[in-house]
Every structure is written in structure tokens, then in C-alpha cells.
Amino acid sequence: MSNDTDVNSDPHFKYYHYDPSLAGACIFTVLFGISSIWHLFQIVRHRTWYFVPLLVGGVFEVVGYIARAVSHSQAPNPTIAPYIISTLLILVAPALLAASIYMVLGRVIISLDAEAYSLIRTRWLTKVFVTSDVATFLVQLAGGGLMASSHAATAQRGSHIVLAGLILQIVIFAFFVAVAVVLHRRLRAKPTSRCDSPSLPWTKTLYMLYIVSALIMLRSIVRVAEFGEGFEGTIYLHEVYLFVLDGLPMLMVMVVWNVWYPWEFSERVRKEGELEMQLGR
């Protein structure tokens, strides 16, 4: 979706190092927009406020791809603002998607009365993972800001900071998946009295959680490879990788939760009045 060119001879390519695809930007803007609107409806309908970070992440994706379309339209005299907006928002949006995923697991544990099976106490689980997620969000945001510098050394430093944030995100997410897997195995070995409730599809929800976790991990690993290669690397210089290995996986994360929305667990927690007590809110 991009055209190869001499980045040193054409000023239009000085930010992205290629001509951003208008078609690609429009397609992802529309798809993320539709998914985000549907999530807004689901959040309001079911009062699943812990999905607000995911909704904000979807909005970040929409604005990020709109910015890429703007960059395309500015040829042959691009400005830096759309580039910065696109780079930062698409970079940090997955951290917001991950925050909601962490909170889904917390609701599953509470609803099934399975705190004894969790590696982390429920009241700390959301706090630990969401706080860590916010930290990686801020690190990547700071690094992304430095990458927009016109000074090569500063931009390179920003790239290294983003790389550190992405690696930390992968480590945290891997631990989160381990917590979910251990919980799943223990529930299968010795189900709680609530596991048989037809109104709590916990097995399906955990499998959906594994799917979206794998998608976010894939995207993060690709991004680590991108920043590890540097500004002259294959991934950074070819837009197709952004669409196929970043945009598409994140869109799939949102669509998975559009289709298999775990509202039942919030309803159970809300009815029993356990949310504020066990999550410390």
C-alpha cells in the first residue's frame, strides 16, 4: 500500500518515508469507527464501564488513521502534526484495549467466587495490571513524542524508550495470561459452585480472552521488532506491516468483544454488591 521512493529526494516522504495509503487509512477509520460506536452502545446498555478504556483505544485508532489520511492529502508539503498524532495514537491505543481485558478477568473471578484459585488476590489483580498498563502507556507516549524530534539523536532516544515500553508491556501481558491459564486449569480441576450457572459463560469468555491476548501479544512483538530494526528497518519503511500486523489485530480485538460481549459478569457482580468491596473501589 506504499510506494518506494528516495526518502532524501522527496520532502513528502520525510516523516513516514512512504506515501501513506489513503484507501488503507479510510478503511481502518471506518471499521474502527463502526466497532467503537457499537462498543459505546454496549457499554451504555449494560453499564460495563470497565470497557471505556477499550472504547477510548478505538477512538485513538480512528483519529490516528484519520491523521494518516490527512498526511496523504497534504502532498507535496506535509506537516508534522498529523504524523505525530498518527504515530502516538496508533502506538498507545493497544495499551487501552489491554486495560479492559485485565478488568474482564477480575469480573470473571469475582462472579465465579474463584479468588482462591487466582495467583493474585482479586482486589489487587486489576490494580496491579492496570497500573502497569498505564506505566507502559506513559513510557510509549513519552518515547513517541521524542521520535517526532527533528534531531536524529533525540528521535533515536525516543525509539529506544518506546522499545523499552513495548518489551515491558509484553512481559506484563505474559504474566497476565499465565494468571488466566492457572485460574482456568484450577477451575476445570475443581469447579466452584457457580461454574455450572448457564448465565455465566466463563469458559467461552476465557477463550475469548486468550484470543485477544494473543492478538495484542502478536502486535507488540511486531512493534518490538520494528523499533529493534530502527528507522531504516523493513517494518518501519513499509506501510503494509502497520495495516496487517498492527491495525488488523487491534481491529479484531475490538470485534471479538463486540460479538462475544461479557456483560453477564458485570451484572452478577453488580447484583451481589461485590464490585466495590473486592476491587477496592
Protein backbone atom coordinates (compact mmCIF):
# COMPACT_ATOMS: atom_id res chain seq x y z
CA MET A 1 0.00 0.00 0.00
CA SER A 2 3.00 2.27 -0.18
CA ASN A 3 5.33 3.39 -2.89
CA ASP A 4 9.08 3.01 -2.67
CA THR A 5 10.98 6.25 -3.14
CA ASP A 6 14.19 8.02 -2.27
CA VAL A 7 13.34 9.46 1.12
CA ASN A 8 16.12 12.01 0.79
CA SER A 9 14.89 13.46 -2.53
CA ASP A 10 11.16 13.95 -1.91
CA PRO A 11 10.06 16.07 1.09
CA HIS A 12 6.62 14.41 1.06
CA PHE A 13 8.18 11.27 2.50
CA LYS A 14 10.34 12.85 5.20
CA TYR A 15 8.06 11.74 8.06
CA TYR A 16 6.61 8.38 7.06
CA HIS A 17 9.32 7.50 4.49
CA TYR A 18 6.50 6.49 2.13
CA ASP A 19 3.25 7.94 0.84
CA PRO A 20 0.55 6.91 3.38
CA SER A 21 -2.23 4.96 1.72
CA LEU A 22 -5.45 6.94 1.61
CA ALA A 23 -7.51 3.80 0.94
CA GLY A 24 -5.95 1.95 3.86
CA ALA A 25 -6.42 4.88 6.23
CA CYS A 26 -10.06 5.29 5.20
CA ILE A 27 -10.84 1.59 5.53
CA PHE A 28 -9.43 1.34 9.05
CA THR A 29 -11.02 4.65 10.07
CA VAL A 30 -14.46 3.36 9.07
CA LEU A 31 -14.02 -0.11 10.60
CA PHE A 32 -12.64 1.15 13.92
CA GLY A 33 -15.37 3.80 13.94
CA ILE A 34 -18.16 1.26 13.50
CA SER A 35 -16.73 -1.01 16.20
CA SER A 36 -16.27 1.93 18.60
CA ILE A 37 -19.84 3.14 18.11
CA TRP A 38 -21.14 -0.36 18.78
CA HIS A 39 -18.99 -0.59 21.92
CA LEU A 40 -20.42 2.72 23.13
CA PHE A 41 -23.92 1.31 22.73
CA GLN A 42 -22.96 -1.90 24.57
CA ILE A 43 -21.27 0.00 27.42
CA VAL A 44 -24.28 2.24 28.00
CA ARG A 45 -26.79 -0.58 27.64
CA HIS A 46 -25.06 -2.98 30.03
CA ARG A 47 -23.29 -0.39 32.23
CA THR A 48 -19.97 -2.11 31.62
CA TRP A 49 -17.90 0.96 32.40
CA TYR A 50 -14.67 -1.03 32.55
CA PHE A 51 -14.87 -1.22 28.76
CA VAL A 52 -14.45 2.56 28.50
CA PRO A 53 -10.63 2.25 28.09
CA LEU A 54 -11.21 -0.09 25.14
CA LEU A 55 -13.64 2.43 23.66
CA VAL A 56 -11.08 5.22 24.08
CA GLY A 57 -8.49 2.99 22.43
CA GLY A 58 -10.85 2.56 19.49
CA VAL A 59 -11.27 6.34 19.23
CA PHE A 60 -7.47 6.70 19.29
CA GLU A 61 -7.26 4.30 16.37
CA VAL A 62 -9.90 6.25 14.44
CA VAL A 63 -8.15 9.59 14.97
CA GLY A 64 -4.77 8.02 14.22
CA TYR A 65 -5.89 6.72 10.84
CA ILE A 66 -7.69 9.97 10.04
CA ALA A 67 -4.36 11.71 10.64
CA ARG A 68 -2.71 9.38 8.13
CA ALA A 69 -5.35 10.29 5.56
CA VAL A 70 -4.64 13.97 6.24
CA SER A 71 -0.93 13.36 5.70
CA HIS A 72 -1.70 11.78 2.34
CA SER A 73 -3.79 14.79 1.33
CA GLN A 74 -1.02 17.24 2.21
CA ALA A 75 1.28 16.13 -0.60
CA PRO A 76 3.70 17.51 -1.60
CA ASN A 77 4.04 19.71 1.52
CA PRO A 78 3.35 17.56 4.59
CA THR A 79 3.15 18.99 8.10
CA ILE A 80 4.39 17.27 11.22
CA ALA A 81 1.19 17.48 13.30
CA PRO A 82 -0.76 14.67 11.53
CA TYR A 83 2.35 12.48 11.65
CA ILE A 84 2.74 12.99 15.40
CA ILE A 85 -0.97 12.34 16.02
CA SER A 86 -0.94 9.19 13.90
CA THR A 87 2.27 7.83 15.38
CA LEU A 88 1.33 8.43 19.02
CA LEU A 89 -2.31 7.36 18.98
CA ILE A 90 -1.86 4.17 16.96
CA LEU A 91 1.16 3.31 19.11
CA VAL A 92 -0.53 3.65 22.52
CA ALA A 93 -4.09 2.53 21.67
CA PRO A 94 -3.39 -1.20 22.37
CA ALA A 95 -2.47 -0.35 25.96
CA LEU A 96 -6.02 0.97 26.45
CA LEU A 97 -7.50 -2.14 24.86
CA ALA A 98 -5.41 -4.25 27.25
CA ALA A 99 -6.67 -2.34 30.30
CA SER A 100 -10.24 -3.50 29.68
CA ILE A 101 -9.05 -7.08 29.14
CA TYR A 102 -7.41 -7.06 32.56
CA MET A 103 -10.67 -5.96 34.15
CA VAL A 104 -12.64 -8.67 32.37
CA LEU A 105 -10.63 -11.34 34.18
CA GLY A 106 -11.28 -9.63 37.51
CA ARG A 107 -15.04 -9.79 36.94
CA VAL A 108 -14.84 -13.44 35.94
CA ILE A 109 -13.01 -14.32 39.15
CA ILE A 110 -15.47 -12.41 41.33
CA SER A 111 -18.53 -13.82 39.58
CA LEU A 112 -17.31 -17.39 39.98
CA ASP A 113 -16.21 -16.85 43.59
CA ALA A 114 -12.81 -18.16 42.50
CA GLU A 115 -10.40 -15.84 44.28
CA ALA A 116 -8.76 -18.82 45.97
CA TYR A 117 -7.76 -20.07 42.50
CA SER A 118 -6.11 -16.84 41.37
CA LEU A 119 -2.36 -16.21 41.59
CA ILE A 120 -3.18 -12.63 42.62
CA ARG A 121 -5.88 -11.58 45.05
CA THR A 122 -8.83 -10.09 43.18
CA ARG A 123 -8.65 -6.74 44.96
CA TRP A 124 -5.09 -6.36 43.67
CA LEU A 125 -5.39 -8.00 40.25
CA THR A 126 -6.98 -5.08 38.42
CA LYS A 127 -4.89 -2.51 40.26
CA VAL A 128 -1.60 -4.26 39.51
CA PHE A 129 -2.22 -4.86 35.83
CA VAL A 130 -3.99 -1.60 35.04
CA THR A 131 -1.34 0.43 36.90
CA SER A 132 1.39 -1.41 34.99
CA ASP A 133 -0.53 -0.81 31.78
CA VAL A 134 -0.73 2.91 32.50
CA ALA A 135 3.03 2.94 33.12
CA THR A 136 3.77 1.33 29.74
CA PHE A 137 1.27 3.72 28.15
CA LEU A 138 3.12 6.75 29.51
CA VAL A 139 6.54 5.35 28.59
CA GLN A 140 5.45 4.73 25.00
CA LEU A 141 3.76 8.14 24.83
CA ALA A 142 6.92 9.88 26.02
CA GLY A 143 9.10 7.92 23.62
CA GLY A 144 6.74 8.56 20.73
CA GLY A 145 6.87 12.28 21.44
CA LEU A 146 10.66 12.28 21.27
CA MET A 147 10.56 10.37 17.99
CA ALA A 148 8.94 13.39 16.37
CA SER A 149 12.05 15.47 17.04
CA SER A 150 13.96 16.84 14.06
CA HIS A 151 17.20 15.86 15.80
CA ALA A 152 18.28 12.35 14.87
CA ALA A 153 19.79 11.63 18.30
CA THR A 154 16.62 12.65 20.12
CA ALA A 155 14.42 10.66 17.75
CA GLN A 156 16.64 7.62 18.25
CA ARG A 157 16.42 8.03 22.02
CA GLY A 158 12.65 8.17 21.74
CA SER A 159 12.68 4.96 19.70
CA HIS A 160 14.65 3.22 22.43
CA ILE A 161 12.20 4.42 25.08
CA VAL A 162 9.26 3.11 23.05
CA LEU A 163 11.07 -0.20 22.63
CA ALA A 164 11.54 -0.47 26.40
CA GLY A 165 7.85 0.28 26.96
CA LEU A 166 6.81 -2.37 24.45
CA ILE A 167 9.05 -5.01 25.99
CA LEU A 168 7.65 -4.19 29.44
CA GLN A 169 4.14 -4.47 28.01
CA ILE A 170 4.89 -7.94 26.64
CA VAL A 171 6.29 -9.12 29.99
CA ILE A 172 3.26 -7.81 31.88
CA PHE A 173 0.85 -9.32 29.39
CA ALA A 174 2.61 -12.68 29.50
CA PHE A 175 2.21 -12.74 33.29
CA PHE A 176 -1.45 -11.81 32.93
CA VAL A 177 -2.02 -14.71 30.52
CA ALA A 178 -0.26 -17.02 32.99
CA VAL A 179 -2.67 -15.87 35.73
CA ALA A 180 -5.64 -16.59 33.45
CA VAL A 181 -4.34 -20.03 32.43
CA VAL A 182 -3.68 -21.08 36.02
CA LEU A 183 -7.17 -19.92 37.02
CA HIS A 184 -8.69 -21.82 34.10
CA ARG A 185 -6.89 -25.07 34.93
CA ARG A 186 -7.83 -24.87 38.60
CA LEU A 187 -11.48 -24.21 37.77
CA ARG A 188 -11.57 -27.17 35.42
CA ALA A 189 -9.97 -29.40 38.03
CA LYS A 190 -12.24 -28.27 40.84
CA PRO A 191 -15.16 -26.07 39.67
CA THR A 192 -16.78 -23.69 42.12
CA SER A 193 -20.50 -23.93 42.80
CA ARG A 194 -21.11 -21.08 40.34
CA CYS A 195 -19.31 -22.67 37.40
CA ASP A 196 -22.43 -24.57 36.41
CA SER A 197 -24.52 -21.43 36.10
CA PRO A 198 -25.78 -21.09 32.50
CA SER A 199 -25.85 -17.31 32.93
CA LEU A 200 -22.06 -17.18 33.38
CA PRO A 201 -20.30 -18.41 30.21
CA TRP A 202 -16.91 -18.32 31.86
CA THR A 203 -15.22 -20.93 29.64
CA LYS A 204 -16.15 -19.07 26.46
CA THR A 205 -15.07 -15.76 27.99
CA LEU A 206 -11.66 -17.13 28.97
CA TYR A 207 -11.12 -18.49 25.47
CA MET A 208 -12.04 -15.09 24.03
CA LEU A 209 -9.61 -13.55 26.49
CA TYR A 210 -6.86 -15.86 25.19
CA ILE A 211 -7.63 -14.88 21.60
CA VAL A 212 -7.49 -11.13 22.19
CA SER A 213 -4.40 -11.55 24.36
CA ALA A 214 -2.65 -13.42 21.56
CA LEU A 215 -3.57 -10.66 19.11
CA ILE A 216 -2.16 -7.95 21.36
CA MET A 217 0.97 -10.01 22.01
CA LEU A 218 1.46 -10.50 18.27
CA ARG A 219 1.14 -6.79 17.63
CA SER A 220 3.53 -5.92 20.47
CA ILE A 221 6.14 -8.42 19.27
CA VAL A 222 5.97 -6.97 15.75
CA ARG A 223 6.37 -3.48 17.16
CA VAL A 224 9.37 -4.60 19.20
CA ALA A 225 10.91 -5.98 16.01
CA GLU A 226 10.13 -2.69 14.24
CA PHE A 227 11.82 -0.50 16.81
CA GLY A 228 14.61 -3.01 17.21
CA GLU A 229 15.38 -2.68 13.49
CA GLY A 230 15.36 1.11 13.69
CA PHE A 231 14.17 3.77 11.29
CA GLU A 232 15.77 2.06 8.30
CA GLY A 233 14.26 -1.34 9.05
CA THR A 234 11.92 -3.25 6.77
CA ILE A 235 8.88 -2.95 9.04
CA TYR A 236 9.24 0.80 9.56
CA LEU A 237 9.73 1.53 5.85
CA HIS A 238 6.75 -0.48 4.56
CA GLU A 239 3.21 0.56 5.49
CA VAL A 240 1.71 -2.85 4.81
CA TYR A 241 3.13 -4.14 8.11
CA LEU A 242 1.27 -1.44 10.02
CA PHE A 243 -2.03 -2.42 8.44
CA VAL A 244 -1.64 -6.21 8.59
CA LEU A 245 0.24 -6.66 11.87
CA ASP A 246 -0.99 -3.70 13.92
CA GLY A 247 -4.25 -2.29 12.60
CA LEU A 248 -5.88 -5.60 11.73
CA PRO A 249 -5.06 -7.41 15.03
CA MET A 250 -6.32 -4.45 17.08
CA LEU A 251 -9.50 -4.28 15.00
CA MET A 252 -10.02 -7.99 15.63
CA VAL A 253 -9.65 -7.41 19.38
CA MET A 254 -12.46 -4.89 19.30
CA VAL A 255 -14.68 -7.01 17.07
CA VAL A 256 -14.21 -10.10 19.25
CA TRP A 257 -15.61 -8.18 22.23
CA ASN A 258 -18.34 -6.69 20.01
CA VAL A 259 -19.57 -10.20 19.20
CA TRP A 260 -18.86 -12.00 22.49
CA TYR A 261 -19.57 -9.25 24.98
CA PRO A 262 -19.05 -10.45 28.59
CA TRP A 263 -21.77 -8.32 30.17
CA GLU A 264 -23.08 -11.21 32.27
CA PHE A 265 -20.20 -11.00 34.72
CA SER A 266 -20.72 -7.30 35.42
CA GLU A 267 -24.39 -7.98 36.03
CA ARG A 268 -23.57 -10.73 38.53
CA VAL A 269 -21.01 -8.61 40.33
CA ARG A 270 -23.32 -5.62 40.44
CA LYS A 271 -26.24 -7.61 41.83
CA GLU A 272 -24.19 -9.06 44.63
CA GLY A 273 -22.60 -5.76 45.56
CA GLU A 274 -19.11 -7.27 45.39
CA LEU A 275 -17.50 -4.91 42.90
CA GLU A 276 -16.56 -2.09 45.25
CA MET A 277 -15.64 -4.43 48.10
CA GLN A 278 -13.33 -6.84 46.22
CA LEU A 279 -11.82 -4.42 43.70
CA GLY A 280 -11.26 -1.80 46.34
CA ARG A 281 -13.44 0.81 44.64
